[in-house]
Every structure is written in C-alpha cells, then in structure tokens.
Amino acid sequence: MNERLQDGSFREHHRQAILNLVDRIQSDSDFLAVIISGSVAKGIAREDSDVDCYLVVTDEVFRKRQQEDNLFYYTTEGCDYPGGYYDGKIITFDFVRAAAERGSEPTRASFEGAFVAFSRIPELSGFVSRIPVYPEHQRTRNFEDFYAQVDLYGGYFAERALTLDNSYLLSQAVSQVALFGGRLILAYNRILFPCHKSLMQTLEKTPEKPEAYMDLMKAMLANPTLETIRAFTECIKSFHDWGLTPGQALSRFVENNEWNWMEHEPPLSDR
C-alpha cells in the first residue's frame, strides 16, 4: 500500500474509495498505474468530493480508446459515499514523461499533491513529482507575452468596443485582460495557472500583488467601463517592469494572436 494511504491525511471514505479503485485496476493488465490527484490528493477535499485520478494504460489501449473518443473514466462503483464518484483521465506513461518535460501550466497544476497509488512502472513516481513545478525557463517570456495581451486588450480593443458599443468585443477584451493580468501575477509569484475555474481563488491567495488588485479586477468584471478597465490595467503595469515597450507589445501580440498558425496547428478558436 502506498505510504500516503497510511498517513491519516485522508477521510476514511476517500481512502477506501482509492483502495477500491486500485483493487479493480490492478487486476486488469491493460492498466499500468493509478495516480490520485485533485482535492483528495491535496488533503483539502470536502466530505462529498469526488476522487480525481489519472489511469495509465498501455499504448495500444490508449490508441484504441482515443479512436473511440473514450479517454474519460467515470463510475460511482467503489465510491460508497453520498455524492461520490471517480473523475479520471486515461493517459500513457509517455504523457507523464512529456508533462514533466514540457507540460502546460494547467496540466502541471493538476498534478499538485498527486501521488501514485498503484504502478507497474518503477520510475513513475519520480516523473510525477517533477510535473507540478513552475517552468522557470519560460518565466521571462511569459512576462512579455502576457503583458502584450493586457496592453492591447485593455487599451485598443476595450476602447474600440466601448466606442462602437460592441458588447461581444468588450466581453472578450475584459475577459482577456482579467486572464492575462492574472497570469502575470501568478508568473511573478512563480505559481502555476490552475485553470479558469480556479483562477480567482488562486489569485486571492497569491501573496505578492498590487494593492487592491482583487477589488479592481472584480470592479472591472462587474462593470467594464473605460475607468474600471484603465484602473485595473494601470495597477498591473505599475507593479513591475514586464519587459516590453508599447511598440514591442503590439508586435508580440500580432505574433501570438494573428500568426500563431505559422509553426503549429492553429488554436481551436481560429480553425
């Protein structure tokens, strides 16, 4: 049994649910490992929290399930408590190794606190432990890229949206300013971006940020006017030298938003 399951940090019904999952998975040779993640792994689960997990399968099984669009694992069987279920993703060992080397921040963040509950792969735990680490080599580039988004969306696009009474463009501009303003503060603190759902909660707990940052952000989101948008963007711009002049920010914005198809497949929103 994994030592984490013996240290008393889990609610007993979550611990039993993990054991039930391991018992089921280890009897099937198609499955190579069970990685427990999410709130249960972090020790912050509610009574009715689900059990988040990654299930590592063979390459052959993964390819078959991928072709079937069947990479999600959901069942209530084994979660014998009110509201309980397994919320899992099917992955391969190559995915784990790639995540440790070049995973996106949300992927890295999803492994925070994660542990291997069962494995046929001896070196798996070592790779899992290297995933939830802030990518220091990208930090300076992140400062510049994220700042360019704040500068253009909080300036030109927000102003045009308000002038033209374009509610769609205004909504897009404000959400992007909130997102990348938040990404700048997280990067400054070397904190991984978890996901959109958890961004506000993570920012609330982030130690180093501009004074009244959260209040200004919430005011902008609730009432996006020229005044609230400028107040929020200015608090970010004055907090730190993010490394780009206005002209450089425009050039970087074009590269990241308009020419992002040049070296990779276009993002889903631009296909």
C-alpha atoms as a PDB file:
ATOM      1  CA  MET A   1       0.000   0.000   0.000  1.00  0.00           C
ATOM      2  CA  ASN A   2       1.254   3.475  -0.827  1.00  0.00           C
ATOM      3  CA  GLU A   3       2.525   5.251   2.298  1.00  0.00           C
ATOM      4  CA  ARG A   4       0.274   8.245   1.577  1.00  0.00           C
ATOM      5  CA  LEU A   5      -2.722   5.999   2.171  1.00  0.00           C
ATOM      6  CA  GLN A   6      -1.417   5.147   5.629  1.00  0.00           C
ATOM      7  CA  ASP A   7      -0.580   8.612   6.936  1.00  0.00           C
ATOM      8  CA  GLY A   8      -4.070   9.511   8.126  1.00  0.00           C
ATOM      9  CA  SER A   9      -4.413  12.592   5.896  1.00  0.00           C
ATOM     10  CA  PHE A  10      -7.484  11.285   4.070  1.00  0.00           C
ATOM     11  CA  ARG A  11     -11.083  10.976   5.084  1.00  0.00           C
ATOM     12  CA  GLU A  12     -11.702   7.278   5.604  1.00  0.00           C
ATOM     13  CA  HIS A  13     -14.334   7.007   2.849  1.00  0.00           C
ATOM     14  CA  HIS A  14     -11.951   8.618   0.332  1.00  0.00           C
ATOM     15  CA  ARG A  15      -9.166   6.288   1.412  1.00  0.00           C
ATOM     16  CA  GLN A  16     -11.440   3.292   0.945  1.00  0.00           C
ATOM     17  CA  ALA A  17     -12.558   4.566  -2.460  1.00  0.00           C
ATOM     18  CA  ILE A  18      -8.913   4.748  -3.574  1.00  0.00           C
ATOM     19  CA  LEU A  19      -8.280   1.233  -2.333  1.00  0.00           C
ATOM     20  CA  ASN A  20     -11.367   0.016  -4.180  1.00  0.00           C
ATOM     21  CA  LEU A  21     -10.128   1.642  -7.388  1.00  0.00           C
ATOM     22  CA  VAL A  22      -6.654   0.146  -7.035  1.00  0.00           C
ATOM     23  CA  ASP A  23      -8.150  -3.288  -6.353  1.00  0.00           C
ATOM     24  CA  ARG A  24     -10.175  -3.078  -9.575  1.00  0.00           C
ATOM     25  CA  ILE A  25      -7.434  -1.625 -11.766  1.00  0.00           C
ATOM     26  CA  GLN A  26      -4.546  -3.856 -10.738  1.00  0.00           C
ATOM     27  CA  SER A  27      -6.463  -6.946 -11.825  1.00  0.00           C
ATOM     28  CA  ASP A  28      -6.594  -5.647 -15.414  1.00  0.00           C
ATOM     29  CA  SER A  29      -3.293  -5.903 -17.318  1.00  0.00           C
ATOM     30  CA  ASP A  30      -4.355  -3.111 -19.691  1.00  0.00           C
ATOM     31  CA  PHE A  31      -3.854  -0.657 -16.817  1.00  0.00           C
ATOM     32  CA  LEU A  32      -0.328   0.153 -15.671  1.00  0.00           C
ATOM     33  CA  ALA A  33      -0.879   2.655 -12.853  1.00  0.00           C
ATOM     34  CA  VAL A  34      -3.289   4.744 -10.794  1.00  0.00           C
ATOM     35  CA  ILE A  35      -2.341   8.337  -9.959  1.00  0.00           C
ATOM     36  CA  ILE A  36      -4.544  10.134  -7.434  1.00  0.00           C
ATOM     37  CA  SER A  37      -4.855  13.903  -7.916  1.00  0.00           C
ATOM     38  CA  GLY A  38      -7.209  16.777  -7.157  1.00  0.00           C
ATOM     39  CA  SER A  39      -8.586  17.848  -3.794  1.00  0.00           C
ATOM     40  CA  VAL A  40      -8.339  14.392  -2.243  1.00  0.00           C
ATOM     41  CA  ALA A  41      -4.621  14.166  -3.032  1.00  0.00           C
ATOM     42  CA  LYS A  42      -4.057  17.721  -1.764  1.00  0.00           C
ATOM     43  CA  GLY A  43      -5.832  16.987   1.524  1.00  0.00           C
ATOM     44  CA  ILE A  44      -8.457  19.691   1.006  1.00  0.00           C
ATOM     45  CA  ALA A  45     -11.400  17.517  -0.025  1.00  0.00           C
ATOM     46  CA  ARG A  46     -14.942  18.054   1.208  1.00  0.00           C
ATOM     47  CA  GLU A  47     -16.982  15.165   2.575  1.00  0.00           C
ATOM     48  CA  ASP A  48     -18.643  14.675  -0.827  1.00  0.00           C
ATOM     49  CA  SER A  49     -15.631  15.431  -3.046  1.00  0.00           C
ATOM     50  CA  ASP A  50     -15.077  13.133  -5.987  1.00  0.00           C
ATOM     51  CA  VAL A  51     -11.839  11.188  -6.437  1.00  0.00           C
ATOM     52  CA  ASP A  52      -9.777  12.700  -9.266  1.00  0.00           C
ATOM     53  CA  CYS A  53      -7.341  10.324 -10.903  1.00  0.00           C
ATOM     54  CA  TYR A  54      -5.165   9.584 -13.887  1.00  0.00           C
ATOM     55  CA  LEU A  55      -5.206   5.986 -15.112  1.00  0.00           C
ATOM     56  CA  VAL A  56      -2.102   4.937 -17.043  1.00  0.00           C
ATOM     57  CA  VAL A  57      -2.770   2.370 -19.765  1.00  0.00           C
ATOM     58  CA  THR A  58      -0.695   0.633 -22.415  1.00  0.00           C
ATOM     59  CA  ASP A  59      -0.018   2.474 -25.654  1.00  0.00           C
ATOM     60  CA  GLU A  60      -2.205   0.045 -27.579  1.00  0.00           C
ATOM     61  CA  VAL A  61      -5.175   0.512 -25.254  1.00  0.00           C
ATOM     62  CA  PHE A  62      -4.725   4.291 -25.351  1.00  0.00           C
ATOM     63  CA  ARG A  63      -4.753   4.410 -29.157  1.00  0.00           C
ATOM     64  CA  LYS A  64      -7.919   2.322 -29.260  1.00  0.00           C
ATOM     65  CA  ARG A  65      -9.695   4.459 -26.678  1.00  0.00           C
ATOM     66  CA  GLN A  66      -8.513   7.635 -28.391  1.00  0.00           C
ATOM     67  CA  GLN A  67     -10.054   6.498 -31.666  1.00  0.00           C
ATOM     68  CA  GLU A  68     -13.305   5.896 -29.785  1.00  0.00           C
ATOM     69  CA  ASP A  69     -13.156   9.297 -28.008  1.00  0.00           C
ATOM     70  CA  ASN A  70     -13.140   7.343 -24.776  1.00  0.00           C
ATOM     71  CA  LEU A  71     -10.375   8.901 -22.670  1.00  0.00           C
ATOM     72  CA  PHE A  72     -12.551   9.795 -19.683  1.00  0.00           C
ATOM     73  CA  TYR A  73     -13.103   7.460 -16.735  1.00  0.00           C
ATOM     74  CA  TYR A  74     -16.281   7.883 -14.721  1.00  0.00           C
ATOM     75  CA  THR A  75     -18.018   5.497 -12.352  1.00  0.00           C
ATOM     76  CA  THR A  76     -19.687   5.609  -8.961  1.00  0.00           C
ATOM     77  CA  GLU A  77     -18.890   1.959  -8.302  1.00  0.00           C
ATOM     78  CA  GLY A  78     -16.391   1.807  -5.457  1.00  0.00           C
ATOM     79  CA  CYS A  79     -17.178   5.312  -4.191  1.00  0.00           C
ATOM     80  CA  ASP A  80     -19.548   4.185  -1.479  1.00  0.00           C
ATOM     81  CA  TYR A  81     -20.453   7.555  -0.005  1.00  0.00           C
ATOM     82  CA  PRO A  82     -23.102  10.169  -0.864  1.00  0.00           C
ATOM     83  CA  GLY A  83     -22.156  12.101  -3.990  1.00  0.00           C
ATOM     84  CA  GLY A  84     -19.001  10.074  -4.591  1.00  0.00           C
ATOM     85  CA  TYR A  85     -17.595   9.153  -7.987  1.00  0.00           C
ATOM     86  CA  TYR A  86     -14.295   8.754  -9.832  1.00  0.00           C
ATOM     87  CA  ASP A  87     -13.342  11.579 -12.206  1.00  0.00           C
ATOM     88  CA  GLY A  88     -10.497  10.159 -14.254  1.00  0.00           C
ATOM     89  CA  LYS A  89      -8.491  10.636 -17.429  1.00  0.00           C
ATOM     90  CA  ILE A  90      -6.854   7.865 -19.435  1.00  0.00           C
ATOM     91  CA  ILE A  91      -3.187   8.564 -20.217  1.00  0.00           C
ATOM     92  CA  THR A  92       0.050   6.773 -21.122  1.00  0.00           C
ATOM     93  CA  PHE A  93       3.470   6.761 -19.485  1.00  0.00           C
ATOM     94  CA  ASP A  94       4.679   8.870 -22.437  1.00  0.00           C
ATOM     95  CA  PHE A  95       2.120  11.503 -21.402  1.00  0.00           C
ATOM     96  CA  VAL A  96       3.582  11.582 -17.881  1.00  0.00           C
ATOM     97  CA  ARG A  97       7.135  11.962 -19.200  1.00  0.00           C
ATOM     98  CA  ALA A  98       6.068  14.689 -21.624  1.00  0.00           C
ATOM     99  CA  ALA A  99       4.182  16.532 -18.863  1.00  0.00           C
ATOM    100  CA  ALA A 100       7.299  16.528 -16.693  1.00  0.00           C
ATOM    101  CA  GLU A 101       9.356  17.938 -19.567  1.00  0.00           C
ATOM    102  CA  ARG A 102       7.029  20.400 -21.306  1.00  0.00           C
ATOM    103  CA  GLY A 103       3.539  20.215 -19.819  1.00  0.00           C
ATOM    104  CA  SER A 104       1.236  23.230 -19.897  1.00  0.00           C
ATOM    105  CA  GLU A 105       0.683  25.039 -16.610  1.00  0.00           C
ATOM    106  CA  PRO A 106      -2.867  23.676 -16.135  1.00  0.00           C
ATOM    107  CA  THR A 107      -1.547  20.149 -16.704  1.00  0.00           C
ATOM    108  CA  ARG A 108       1.307  20.737 -14.266  1.00  0.00           C
ATOM    109  CA  ALA A 109      -1.090  22.232 -11.723  1.00  0.00           C
ATOM    110  CA  SER A 110      -3.392  19.220 -11.992  1.00  0.00           C
ATOM    111  CA  PHE A 111      -0.579  17.082 -10.558  1.00  0.00           C
ATOM    112  CA  GLU A 112      -0.041  19.246  -7.452  1.00  0.00           C
ATOM    113  CA  GLY A 113      -0.141  16.887  -4.475  1.00  0.00           C
ATOM    114  CA  ALA A 114      -0.632  13.898  -6.785  1.00  0.00           C
ATOM    115  CA  PHE A 115       0.717  10.503  -5.781  1.00  0.00           C
ATOM    116  CA  VAL A 116       0.971   7.052  -7.306  1.00  0.00           C
ATOM    117  CA  ALA A 117      -1.434   4.664  -5.576  1.00  0.00           C
ATOM    118  CA  PHE A 118      -0.510   1.690  -7.758  1.00  0.00           C
ATOM    119  CA  SER A 119       2.042   1.158 -10.509  1.00  0.00           C
ATOM    120  CA  ARG A 120       3.679  -1.464 -12.670  1.00  0.00           C
ATOM    121  CA  ILE A 121       6.185   1.234 -13.761  1.00  0.00           C
ATOM    122  CA  PRO A 122       9.024   1.539 -11.195  1.00  0.00           C
ATOM    123  CA  GLU A 123      10.137   5.046 -12.232  1.00  0.00           C
ATOM    124  CA  LEU A 124       6.639   6.558 -12.445  1.00  0.00           C
ATOM    125  CA  SER A 125       6.668   8.348  -9.058  1.00  0.00           C
ATOM    126  CA  GLY A 126       9.853  10.212  -9.956  1.00  0.00           C
ATOM    127  CA  PHE A 127       8.297  11.630 -13.113  1.00  0.00           C
ATOM    128  CA  VAL A 128       5.037  12.518 -11.349  1.00  0.00           C
ATOM    129  CA  SER A 129       6.953  14.507  -8.725  1.00  0.00           C
ATOM    130  CA  ARG A 130       8.618  16.602 -11.460  1.00  0.00           C
ATOM    131  CA  ILE A 131       5.392  17.678 -13.158  1.00  0.00           C
ATOM    132  CA  PRO A 132       3.915  20.290 -10.731  1.00  0.00           C
ATOM    133  CA  VAL A 133       6.909  22.632 -10.973  1.00  0.00           C
ATOM    134  CA  TYR A 134       6.775  26.195 -12.310  1.00  0.00           C
ATOM    135  CA  PRO A 135       8.623  26.319 -15.690  1.00  0.00           C
ATOM    136  CA  GLU A 136      11.299  28.830 -14.714  1.00  0.00           C
ATOM    137  CA  HIS A 137      12.852  28.850 -18.184  1.00  0.00           C
ATOM    138  CA  GLN A 138       9.598  30.324 -19.585  1.00  0.00           C
ATOM    139  CA  ARG A 139       9.066  32.997 -16.929  1.00  0.00           C
ATOM    140  CA  THR A 140      10.624  35.977 -18.743  1.00  0.00           C
ATOM    141  CA  ARG A 141       8.884  35.063 -21.984  1.00  0.00           C
ATOM    142  CA  ASN A 142       5.620  34.690 -20.052  1.00  0.00           C
ATOM    143  CA  PHE A 143       6.020  38.176 -18.618  1.00  0.00           C
ATOM    144  CA  GLU A 144       6.339  39.606 -22.116  1.00  0.00           C
ATOM    145  CA  ASP A 145       3.644  37.524 -23.800  1.00  0.00           C
ATOM    146  CA  PHE A 146       1.065  38.057 -21.057  1.00  0.00           C
ATOM    147  CA  TYR A 147       1.824  41.777 -20.814  1.00  0.00           C
ATOM    148  CA  ALA A 148       1.230  42.199 -24.558  1.00  0.00           C
ATOM    149  CA  GLN A 149      -2.254  40.715 -24.125  1.00  0.00           C
ATOM    150  CA  VAL A 150      -3.079  43.060 -21.236  1.00  0.00           C
ATOM    151  CA  ASP A 151      -1.733  46.090 -23.094  1.00  0.00           C
ATOM    152  CA  LEU A 152      -3.675  45.522 -26.329  1.00  0.00           C
ATOM    153  CA  TYR A 153      -6.917  44.110 -24.941  1.00  0.00           C
ATOM    154  CA  GLY A 154      -7.004  46.621 -22.080  1.00  0.00           C
ATOM    155  CA  GLY A 155      -6.175  49.506 -24.377  1.00  0.00           C
ATOM    156  CA  TYR A 156      -7.066  49.429 -28.064  1.00  0.00           C
ATOM    157  CA  PHE A 157      -9.675  46.647 -28.080  1.00  0.00           C
ATOM    158  CA  ALA A 158     -11.501  47.721 -24.926  1.00  0.00           C
ATOM    159  CA  GLU A 159     -11.636  51.326 -26.145  1.00  0.00           C
ATOM    160  CA  ARG A 160     -12.918  50.319 -29.589  1.00  0.00           C
ATOM    161  CA  ALA A 161     -15.541  48.063 -28.044  1.00  0.00           C
ATOM    162  CA  LEU A 162     -16.851  50.868 -25.862  1.00  0.00           C
ATOM    163  CA  THR A 163     -16.793  53.399 -28.710  1.00  0.00           C
ATOM    164  CA  LEU A 164     -18.653  51.068 -31.072  1.00  0.00           C
ATOM    165  CA  ASP A 165     -20.971  49.703 -28.359  1.00  0.00           C
ATOM    166  CA  ASN A 166     -19.762  46.205 -29.307  1.00  0.00           C
ATOM    167  CA  SER A 167     -20.748  44.077 -26.322  1.00  0.00           C
ATOM    168  CA  TYR A 168     -19.118  40.914 -27.692  1.00  0.00           C
ATOM    169  CA  LEU A 169     -15.753  42.584 -28.221  1.00  0.00           C
ATOM    170  CA  LEU A 170     -15.974  44.252 -24.816  1.00  0.00           C
ATOM    171  CA  SER A 171     -16.692  40.928 -23.114  1.00  0.00           C
ATOM    172  CA  GLN A 172     -13.774  39.322 -24.948  1.00  0.00           C
ATOM    173  CA  ALA A 173     -11.398  42.187 -24.147  1.00  0.00           C
ATOM    174  CA  VAL A 174     -12.263  42.282 -20.452  1.00  0.00           C
ATOM    175  CA  SER A 175     -12.015  38.507 -20.004  1.00  0.00           C
ATOM    176  CA  GLN A 176      -8.600  38.509 -21.698  1.00  0.00           C
ATOM    177  CA  VAL A 177      -7.369  41.373 -19.526  1.00  0.00           C
ATOM    178  CA  ALA A 178      -8.547  39.526 -16.417  1.00  0.00           C
ATOM    179  CA  LEU A 179      -6.966  36.260 -17.578  1.00  0.00           C
ATOM    180  CA  PHE A 180      -3.570  37.597 -18.601  1.00  0.00           C
ATOM    181  CA  GLY A 181      -3.433  40.119 -15.787  1.00  0.00           C
ATOM    182  CA  GLY A 182      -3.905  37.146 -13.514  1.00  0.00           C
ATOM    183  CA  ARG A 183      -1.309  35.118 -15.399  1.00  0.00           C
ATOM    184  CA  LEU A 184       1.215  37.935 -14.891  1.00  0.00           C
ATOM    185  CA  ILE A 185       0.668  37.966 -11.138  1.00  0.00           C
ATOM    186  CA  LEU A 186       0.901  34.177 -10.921  1.00  0.00           C
ATOM    187  CA  ALA A 187       4.091  34.175 -13.004  1.00  0.00           C
ATOM    188  CA  TYR A 188       5.570  36.903 -10.808  1.00  0.00           C
ATOM    189  CA  ASN A 189       4.929  34.651  -7.793  1.00  0.00           C
ATOM    190  CA  ARG A 190       6.033  31.511  -9.663  1.00  0.00           C
ATOM    191  CA  ILE A 191       2.596  29.961  -9.153  1.00  0.00           C
ATOM    192  CA  LEU A 192       1.121  27.644 -11.776  1.00  0.00           C
ATOM    193  CA  PHE A 193      -2.043  28.729 -13.573  1.00  0.00           C
ATOM    194  CA  PRO A 194      -4.540  26.047 -12.486  1.00  0.00           C
ATOM    195  CA  CYS A 195      -7.500  26.587 -14.844  1.00  0.00           C
ATOM    196  CA  HIS A 196     -10.154  29.221 -15.455  1.00  0.00           C
ATOM    197  CA  LYS A 197     -12.413  27.740 -12.777  1.00  0.00           C
ATOM    198  CA  SER A 198      -9.795  28.156 -10.053  1.00  0.00           C
ATOM    199  CA  LEU A 199      -8.089  31.362 -11.223  1.00  0.00           C
ATOM    200  CA  MET A 200      -9.880  33.794  -8.914  1.00  0.00           C
ATOM    201  CA  GLN A 201      -9.470  31.570  -5.870  1.00  0.00           C
ATOM    202  CA  THR A 202      -5.764  31.128  -6.608  1.00  0.00           C
ATOM    203  CA  LEU A 203      -5.241  34.871  -7.069  1.00  0.00           C
ATOM    204  CA  GLU A 204      -6.961  35.590  -3.755  1.00  0.00           C
ATOM    205  CA  LYS A 205      -4.274  33.506  -2.031  1.00  0.00           C
ATOM    206  CA  THR A 206      -1.339  34.837  -4.070  1.00  0.00           C
ATOM    207  CA  PRO A 207       0.926  36.780  -1.693  1.00  0.00           C
ATOM    208  CA  GLU A 208       2.601  39.423  -3.893  1.00  0.00           C
ATOM    209  CA  LYS A 209       0.221  41.504  -5.990  1.00  0.00           C
ATOM    210  CA  PRO A 210      -0.733  45.165  -6.421  1.00  0.00           C
ATOM    211  CA  GLU A 211      -2.677  46.840  -3.662  1.00  0.00           C
ATOM    212  CA  ALA A 212      -6.443  46.496  -4.206  1.00  0.00           C
ATOM    213  CA  TYR A 213      -5.735  44.136  -7.136  1.00  0.00           C
ATOM    214  CA  MET A 214      -8.694  41.833  -6.487  1.00  0.00           C
ATOM    215  CA  ASP A 215     -11.096  44.712  -5.870  1.00  0.00           C
ATOM    216  CA  LEU A 216     -10.073  46.428  -9.107  1.00  0.00           C
ATOM    217  CA  MET A 217     -10.383  43.186 -11.051  1.00  0.00           C
ATOM    218  CA  LYS A 218     -13.852  42.444  -9.687  1.00  0.00           C
ATOM    219  CA  ALA A 219     -14.980  46.023 -10.374  1.00  0.00           C
ATOM    220  CA  MET A 220     -13.843  45.725 -13.996  1.00  0.00           C
ATOM    221  CA  LEU A 221     -15.602  42.402 -14.486  1.00  0.00           C
ATOM    222  CA  ALA A 222     -18.828  43.626 -12.887  1.00  0.00           C
ATOM    223  CA  ASN A 223     -18.874  47.000 -14.651  1.00  0.00           C
ATOM    224  CA  PRO A 224     -16.491  47.213 -17.622  1.00  0.00           C
ATOM    225  CA  THR A 225     -16.096  50.918 -18.288  1.00  0.00           C
ATOM    226  CA  LEU A 226     -13.119  52.877 -19.539  1.00  0.00           C
ATOM    227  CA  GLU A 227     -12.409  53.906 -15.941  1.00  0.00           C
ATOM    228  CA  THR A 228     -12.564  50.423 -14.380  1.00  0.00           C
ATOM    229  CA  ILE A 229     -10.546  48.831 -17.183  1.00  0.00           C
ATOM    230  CA  ARG A 230      -7.858  51.513 -17.012  1.00  0.00           C
ATOM    231  CA  ALA A 231      -7.662  51.296 -13.226  1.00  0.00           C
ATOM    232  CA  PHE A 232      -7.064  47.555 -13.384  1.00  0.00           C
ATOM    233  CA  THR A 233      -4.546  47.641 -16.236  1.00  0.00           C
ATOM    234  CA  GLU A 234      -2.617  50.520 -14.690  1.00  0.00           C
ATOM    235  CA  CYS A 235      -2.264  48.708 -11.366  1.00  0.00           C
ATOM    236  CA  ILE A 236      -0.653  45.818 -13.264  1.00  0.00           C
ATOM    237  CA  LYS A 237       1.598  47.989 -15.437  1.00  0.00           C
ATOM    238  CA  SER A 238       2.927  49.951 -12.470  1.00  0.00           C
ATOM    239  CA  PHE A 239       3.556  46.864 -10.350  1.00  0.00           C
ATOM    240  CA  HIS A 240       6.569  45.576 -12.311  1.00  0.00           C
ATOM    241  CA  ASP A 241       8.608  46.198 -15.455  1.00  0.00           C
ATOM    242  CA  TRP A 242       7.294  43.379 -17.628  1.00  0.00           C
ATOM    243  CA  GLY A 243       9.945  43.863 -20.311  1.00  0.00           C
ATOM    244  CA  LEU A 244       8.152  45.324 -23.357  1.00  0.00           C
ATOM    245  CA  THR A 245       7.649  48.833 -24.737  1.00  0.00           C
ATOM    246  CA  PRO A 246       4.210  49.632 -26.261  1.00  0.00           C
ATOM    247  CA  GLY A 247       5.566  49.083 -29.776  1.00  0.00           C
ATOM    248  CA  GLN A 248       7.109  45.769 -28.819  1.00  0.00           C
ATOM    249  CA  ALA A 249       3.863  44.732 -27.141  1.00  0.00           C
ATOM    250  CA  LEU A 250       1.968  45.276 -30.397  1.00  0.00           C
ATOM    251  CA  SER A 251       4.498  43.218 -32.353  1.00  0.00           C
ATOM    252  CA  ARG A 252       4.350  40.385 -29.796  1.00  0.00           C
ATOM    253  CA  PHE A 253       0.532  40.471 -29.805  1.00  0.00           C
ATOM    254  CA  VAL A 254       0.472  40.003 -33.581  1.00  0.00           C
ATOM    255  CA  GLU A 255       2.858  37.066 -33.355  1.00  0.00           C
ATOM    256  CA  ASN A 256       0.870  35.349 -30.613  1.00  0.00           C
ATOM    257  CA  ASN A 257      -2.659  36.088 -31.819  1.00  0.00           C
ATOM    258  CA  GLU A 258      -2.582  36.505 -35.595  1.00  0.00           C
ATOM    259  CA  TRP A 259       0.410  34.470 -36.698  1.00  0.00           C
ATOM    260  CA  ASN A 260       0.105  31.624 -34.191  1.00  0.00           C
ATOM    261  CA  TRP A 261      -0.582  29.165 -37.030  1.00  0.00           C
ATOM    262  CA  MET A 262       2.866  29.563 -38.593  1.00  0.00           C
ATOM    263  CA  GLU A 263       4.736  26.907 -36.611  1.00  0.00           C
ATOM    264  CA  HIS A 264       1.911  24.913 -35.041  1.00  0.00           C
ATOM    265  CA  GLU A 265      -1.650  23.905 -35.788  1.00  0.00           C
ATOM    266  CA  PRO A 266      -3.964  26.899 -35.271  1.00  0.00           C
ATOM    267  CA  PRO A 267      -5.694  27.032 -31.871  1.00  0.00           C
ATOM    268  CA  LEU A 268      -9.223  25.659 -31.891  1.00  0.00           C
ATOM    269  CA  SER A 269     -10.744  29.153 -31.772  1.00  0.00           C
ATOM    270  CA  ASP A 270      -9.033  30.080 -35.078  1.00  0.00           C
ATOM    271  CA  ARG A 271      -9.600  26.964 -37.176  1.00  0.00           C
END
